[in-house]
C-alpha cells in the first residue's frame, strides 16, 4: 500500500512538475496547460495578491472535532486496559522492592 502511494505521488509530481515550478525561463513546447506560479505575497508581474480566505470559527471548529475524538480514544484505551487486566494478559506485579 505504501509503495502504491509513493508511485502515485511520484507520478503526480513528475507530471505536474512544469506547473509547480516558477516561471523563470522560456516555456517548454510540451506544456499543455497554464503554468501556475504563486509566490508568498505577489504575482510574477509584481501585483500584490489578495488576502487568503479566513475560516470563520476556525478554533471553535477544531475544538468541536478534536475533543470528542480524544474522549472516544480515552474510553477505548481505558476499556482495553481493563480487558487485558481482566484476562490477566498484562497485569503489573505487586512486588514491594523496599529492601
N, C-alpha and C. Protein backbone atom coordinates (compact mmCIF):
# COMPACT_ATOMS: atom_id res chain seq x y z
N UNK A 1 0.82 -1.19 0.00
CA UNK A 1 0.00 0.00 0.00
C UNK A 1 0.87 1.26 0.00
N UNK A 2 1.96 1.23 0.78
CA UNK A 2 2.83 2.39 0.83
C UNK A 2 3.55 2.59 -0.49
N UNK A 3 3.93 1.49 -1.15
CA UNK A 3 4.61 1.64 -2.44
C UNK A 3 3.66 2.19 -3.49
N UNK A 4 2.39 1.83 -3.42
CA UNK A 4 1.41 2.37 -4.36
C UNK A 4 1.26 3.87 -4.15
N UNK A 5 1.19 4.30 -2.91
CA UNK A 5 1.07 5.73 -2.62
C UNK A 5 2.32 6.47 -3.08
N UNK A 6 3.49 5.88 -2.89
CA UNK A 6 4.72 6.53 -3.32
C UNK A 6 4.76 6.65 -4.84
N UNK A 7 4.36 5.58 -5.56
CA UNK A 7 4.36 5.64 -7.01
C UNK A 7 3.37 6.67 -7.54
N UNK A 8 2.19 6.75 -6.91
CA UNK A 8 1.20 7.72 -7.36
C UNK A 8 1.65 9.15 -7.11
N UNK A 9 2.24 9.40 -5.94
CA UNK A 9 2.70 10.76 -5.66
C UNK A 9 3.87 11.13 -6.56
N UNK A 10 4.77 10.19 -6.84
CA UNK A 10 5.88 10.48 -7.73
C UNK A 10 5.38 10.78 -9.14
N UNK A 11 4.39 10.00 -9.61
CA UNK A 11 3.83 10.24 -10.94
C UNK A 11 3.13 11.60 -10.99
N UNK A 12 2.45 11.98 -9.92
CA UNK A 12 1.77 13.27 -9.88
C UNK A 12 2.76 14.40 -9.98
N UNK A 13 3.86 14.33 -9.20
CA UNK A 13 4.82 15.42 -9.20
C UNK A 13 5.62 15.47 -10.50
N UNK A 14 5.88 14.33 -11.11
CA UNK A 14 6.59 14.34 -12.39
C UNK A 14 5.70 14.94 -13.47
N UNK A 15 4.42 14.55 -13.48
CA UNK A 15 3.50 15.04 -14.50
C UNK A 15 3.23 16.53 -14.32
N UNK A 16 3.11 16.98 -13.08
CA UNK A 16 2.78 18.37 -12.82
C UNK A 16 4.01 19.21 -12.47
N UNK A 17 5.18 18.72 -12.78
CA UNK A 17 6.41 19.44 -12.45
C UNK A 17 6.50 20.79 -13.12
N UNK A 18 6.04 20.88 -14.35
CA UNK A 18 6.11 22.16 -15.05
C UNK A 18 5.14 23.17 -14.45
N UNK A 19 4.02 22.72 -13.96
CA UNK A 19 3.05 23.66 -13.40
C UNK A 19 3.40 24.07 -11.99
N UNK A 20 4.23 23.30 -11.29
CA UNK A 20 4.59 23.65 -9.92
C UNK A 20 5.83 24.53 -9.85
N UNK A 21 6.60 24.60 -10.93
CA UNK A 21 7.83 25.37 -10.91
C UNK A 21 7.53 26.84 -11.20
N UNK A 22 8.49 27.69 -10.88
CA UNK A 22 8.32 29.12 -11.15
C UNK A 22 8.54 29.40 -12.63
N UNK A 23 7.99 30.48 -13.09
CA UNK A 23 8.14 30.88 -14.49
C UNK A 23 9.40 31.70 -14.66
N UNK A 24 10.56 31.07 -14.66
CA UNK A 24 11.81 31.80 -14.75
C UNK A 24 12.39 31.75 -16.15
N UNK A 25 12.08 30.74 -16.91
CA UNK A 25 12.67 30.61 -18.24
C UNK A 25 11.59 30.48 -19.28
N UNK A 26 12.02 30.19 -20.50
CA UNK A 26 11.03 30.01 -21.57
C UNK A 26 10.21 28.76 -21.35
N UNK A 27 8.99 28.80 -21.80
CA UNK A 27 8.09 27.66 -21.64
C UNK A 27 8.52 26.53 -22.58
N UNK A 28 8.32 25.30 -22.10
CA UNK A 28 8.64 24.18 -22.96
C UNK A 28 7.51 23.98 -23.96
N UNK A 29 7.83 23.34 -25.04
CA UNK A 29 6.86 23.13 -26.11
C UNK A 29 5.81 22.12 -25.69
N UNK A 30 6.15 21.17 -24.79
CA UNK A 30 5.25 20.10 -24.41
C UNK A 30 4.27 20.49 -23.31
N UNK A 31 4.38 21.68 -22.75
CA UNK A 31 3.45 22.09 -21.69
C UNK A 31 2.07 22.28 -22.29
N UNK A 32 1.07 21.65 -21.69
CA UNK A 32 -0.27 21.67 -22.28
C UNK A 32 -1.21 22.61 -21.58
N UNK A 33 -0.92 23.10 -20.41
CA UNK A 33 -1.85 23.94 -19.69
C UNK A 33 -1.18 25.17 -19.14
N UNK A 34 -1.93 26.00 -18.46
CA UNK A 34 -1.32 27.19 -17.87
C UNK A 34 -0.36 26.79 -16.75
N UNK A 35 0.65 27.57 -16.59
CA UNK A 35 1.64 27.31 -15.55
C UNK A 35 1.29 28.15 -14.34
N UNK A 36 0.91 27.52 -13.24
CA UNK A 36 0.51 28.22 -12.04
C UNK A 36 1.73 28.49 -11.19
N UNK A 37 1.90 29.74 -10.84
CA UNK A 37 3.02 30.13 -10.00
C UNK A 37 2.50 31.08 -8.94
N UNK A 38 2.74 30.74 -7.68
CA UNK A 38 2.29 31.61 -6.61
C UNK A 38 3.43 31.79 -5.63
N UNK A 39 3.88 33.03 -5.51
CA UNK A 39 4.89 33.33 -4.51
C UNK A 39 4.17 33.73 -3.24
N UNK A 40 4.89 34.16 -2.24
CA UNK A 40 4.27 34.41 -0.95
C UNK A 40 3.26 35.55 -0.98
N UNK A 41 3.62 36.71 -1.55
CA UNK A 41 2.71 37.84 -1.48
C UNK A 41 2.48 38.53 -2.81
N UNK A 42 3.17 38.12 -3.87
CA UNK A 42 3.00 38.83 -5.13
C UNK A 42 3.01 37.85 -6.30
N UNK A 43 2.47 38.32 -7.42
CA UNK A 43 2.49 37.51 -8.64
C UNK A 43 3.80 37.75 -9.36
N UNK A 44 4.00 37.08 -10.49
CA UNK A 44 5.25 37.25 -11.24
C UNK A 44 5.35 38.65 -11.84
N UNK A 45 4.21 39.32 -12.06
CA UNK A 45 4.24 40.68 -12.59
C UNK A 45 4.47 41.71 -11.49
N UNK A 46 4.39 41.31 -10.23
CA UNK A 46 4.64 42.21 -9.12
C UNK A 46 3.39 42.67 -8.41
N UNK A 47 2.22 42.24 -8.86
CA UNK A 47 0.97 42.65 -8.22
C UNK A 47 0.82 41.95 -6.87
N UNK A 48 0.24 42.65 -5.92
CA UNK A 48 0.03 42.08 -4.59
C UNK A 48 -1.21 41.20 -4.62
N UNK A 49 -1.08 40.00 -4.10
CA UNK A 49 -2.21 39.07 -4.07
C UNK A 49 -3.20 39.45 -2.99
N UNK A 50 -4.47 39.07 -3.16
CA UNK A 50 -5.45 39.37 -2.11
C UNK A 50 -5.20 38.51 -0.88
N UNK A 51 -5.76 38.94 0.25
CA UNK A 51 -5.60 38.18 1.49
C UNK A 51 -6.21 36.80 1.32
N UNK A 52 -5.64 35.78 1.95
CA UNK A 52 -6.25 34.45 1.91
C UNK A 52 -7.58 34.44 2.63
N UNK A 53 -8.42 33.50 2.27
CA UNK A 53 -9.73 33.38 2.87
C UNK A 53 -9.58 32.93 4.32
N UNK A 54 -10.20 33.65 5.23
CA UNK A 54 -10.13 33.29 6.64
C UNK A 54 -11.34 32.43 6.99
N UNK A 55 -11.08 31.30 7.62
CA UNK A 55 -12.16 30.40 8.00
C UNK A 55 -12.79 30.91 9.29
N UNK A 56 -14.10 31.22 9.26
CA UNK A 56 -14.72 31.71 10.50
C UNK A 56 -14.84 30.58 11.52
N UNK A 57 -14.66 30.91 12.77
CA UNK A 57 -14.75 29.96 13.88
C UNK A 57 -13.77 28.80 13.71
N UNK A 58 -12.57 29.06 13.22
CA UNK A 58 -11.59 28.01 12.98
C UNK A 58 -11.20 27.27 14.24
N UNK A 59 -10.92 28.02 15.31
CA UNK A 59 -10.54 27.39 16.57
C UNK A 59 -11.70 26.63 17.18
N UNK A 60 -12.90 27.20 17.07
CA UNK A 60 -14.08 26.52 17.61
C UNK A 60 -14.35 25.22 16.88
N UNK A 61 -14.24 25.25 15.56
CA UNK A 61 -14.44 24.02 14.78
C UNK A 61 -13.41 22.97 15.15
N UNK A 62 -12.16 23.40 15.34
CA UNK A 62 -11.11 22.45 15.70
C UNK A 62 -11.43 21.81 17.05
N UNK A 63 -11.87 22.59 18.02
CA UNK A 63 -12.19 22.05 19.34
C UNK A 63 -13.37 21.10 19.25
N UNK A 64 -14.38 21.45 18.43
CA UNK A 64 -15.55 20.59 18.28
C UNK A 64 -15.17 19.23 17.69
N UNK A 65 -14.14 19.19 16.86
CA UNK A 65 -13.71 17.92 16.26
C UNK A 65 -12.74 17.18 17.17
N UNK A 66 -11.78 17.87 17.76
CA UNK A 66 -10.70 17.21 18.49
C UNK A 66 -11.17 16.64 19.82
N UNK A 67 -11.94 17.39 20.59
CA UNK A 67 -12.33 16.96 21.93
C UNK A 67 -13.12 15.66 21.93
N UNK A 68 -14.15 15.48 21.08
CA UNK A 68 -14.87 14.20 21.09
C UNK A 68 -13.98 13.01 20.71
N UNK A 69 -13.09 13.20 19.74
CA UNK A 69 -12.24 12.08 19.35
C UNK A 69 -11.21 11.76 20.42
N UNK A 70 -10.71 12.75 21.14
CA UNK A 70 -9.83 12.46 22.28
C UNK A 70 -10.58 11.70 23.36
N UNK A 71 -11.81 12.09 23.61
CA UNK A 71 -12.62 11.41 24.62
C UNK A 71 -12.90 9.96 24.22
N UNK A 72 -13.26 9.74 22.95
CA UNK A 72 -13.53 8.38 22.48
C UNK A 72 -12.26 7.54 22.54
N UNK A 73 -11.12 8.11 22.16
CA UNK A 73 -9.86 7.39 22.26
C UNK A 73 -9.51 7.03 23.69
N UNK A 74 -9.80 7.95 24.60
CA UNK A 74 -9.58 7.69 26.02
C UNK A 74 -10.45 6.53 26.50
N UNK A 75 -11.72 6.52 26.12
CA UNK A 75 -12.62 5.43 26.53
C UNK A 75 -12.16 4.09 25.97
N UNK A 76 -11.75 4.08 24.70
CA UNK A 76 -11.30 2.82 24.09
C UNK A 76 -10.07 2.29 24.81
N UNK A 77 -9.10 3.15 25.07
CA UNK A 77 -7.87 2.68 25.72
C UNK A 77 -8.14 2.23 27.16
N UNK A 78 -9.03 2.92 27.87
CA UNK A 78 -9.36 2.53 29.24
C UNK A 78 -10.05 1.17 29.27
N UNK A 79 -11.01 0.96 28.37
CA UNK A 79 -11.71 -0.32 28.32
C UNK A 79 -10.80 -1.46 27.89
N UNK A 80 -9.88 -1.19 26.96
CA UNK A 80 -8.95 -2.23 26.52
C UNK A 80 -7.97 -2.59 27.63
N UNK A 81 -7.52 -1.59 28.40
CA UNK A 81 -6.64 -1.88 29.53
C UNK A 81 -7.36 -2.71 30.58
N UNK A 82 -8.64 -2.43 30.82
CA UNK A 82 -9.42 -3.22 31.78
C UNK A 82 -9.61 -4.65 31.27
N UNK A 83 -9.82 -4.80 29.96
CA UNK A 83 -9.96 -6.14 29.38
C UNK A 83 -8.67 -6.94 29.53
N UNK A 84 -7.53 -6.31 29.27
CA UNK A 84 -6.25 -7.00 29.45
C UNK A 84 -6.02 -7.42 30.89
N UNK A 85 -6.38 -6.55 31.82
CA UNK A 85 -6.19 -6.89 33.23
C UNK A 85 -7.16 -7.98 33.67
N UNK A 86 -8.36 -7.97 33.14
CA UNK A 86 -9.35 -8.98 33.49
C UNK A 86 -8.91 -10.37 33.04
N UNK A 87 -8.31 -10.45 31.88
CA UNK A 87 -7.85 -11.75 31.37
C UNK A 87 -6.41 -12.05 31.76
N UNK A 88 -5.86 -11.22 32.61
CA UNK A 88 -4.50 -11.37 33.14
C UNK A 88 -3.46 -11.51 32.04
N UNK A 89 -3.66 -10.78 30.97
CA UNK A 89 -2.67 -10.77 29.88
C UNK A 89 -1.53 -9.85 30.25
N UNK A 90 -1.85 -8.70 30.76
CA UNK A 90 -0.83 -7.77 31.21
C UNK A 90 -1.28 -7.21 32.55
N UNK A 91 -0.68 -7.73 33.61
CA UNK A 91 -1.01 -7.29 34.95
C UNK A 91 0.31 -6.88 35.61
N UNK A 92 0.39 -5.66 36.11
CA UNK A 92 1.63 -5.27 36.79
C UNK A 92 1.82 -6.07 38.08
N UNK A 93 3.08 -6.34 38.38
CA UNK A 93 3.40 -7.08 39.60
C UNK A 93 3.20 -6.19 40.82
N UNK A 94 2.77 -6.80 41.91
CA UNK A 94 2.58 -6.06 43.16
C UNK A 94 3.73 -6.31 44.11
N UNK A 95 4.94 -6.49 43.60
CA UNK A 95 6.10 -6.75 44.43
C UNK A 95 6.55 -5.46 45.11
N UNK A 96 6.90 -5.60 46.37
CA UNK A 96 7.46 -4.48 47.10
C UNK A 96 8.98 -4.59 47.03
N UNK A 97 9.62 -3.58 46.49
CA UNK A 97 11.07 -3.59 46.38
C UNK A 97 11.69 -2.64 47.39
N UNK A 98 11.09 -2.55 48.57
CA UNK A 98 11.61 -1.65 49.60
C UNK A 98 12.59 -2.38 50.50
N UNK A 99 13.65 -2.91 49.97
CA UNK A 99 14.63 -3.65 50.79
C UNK A 99 15.46 -2.74 51.63
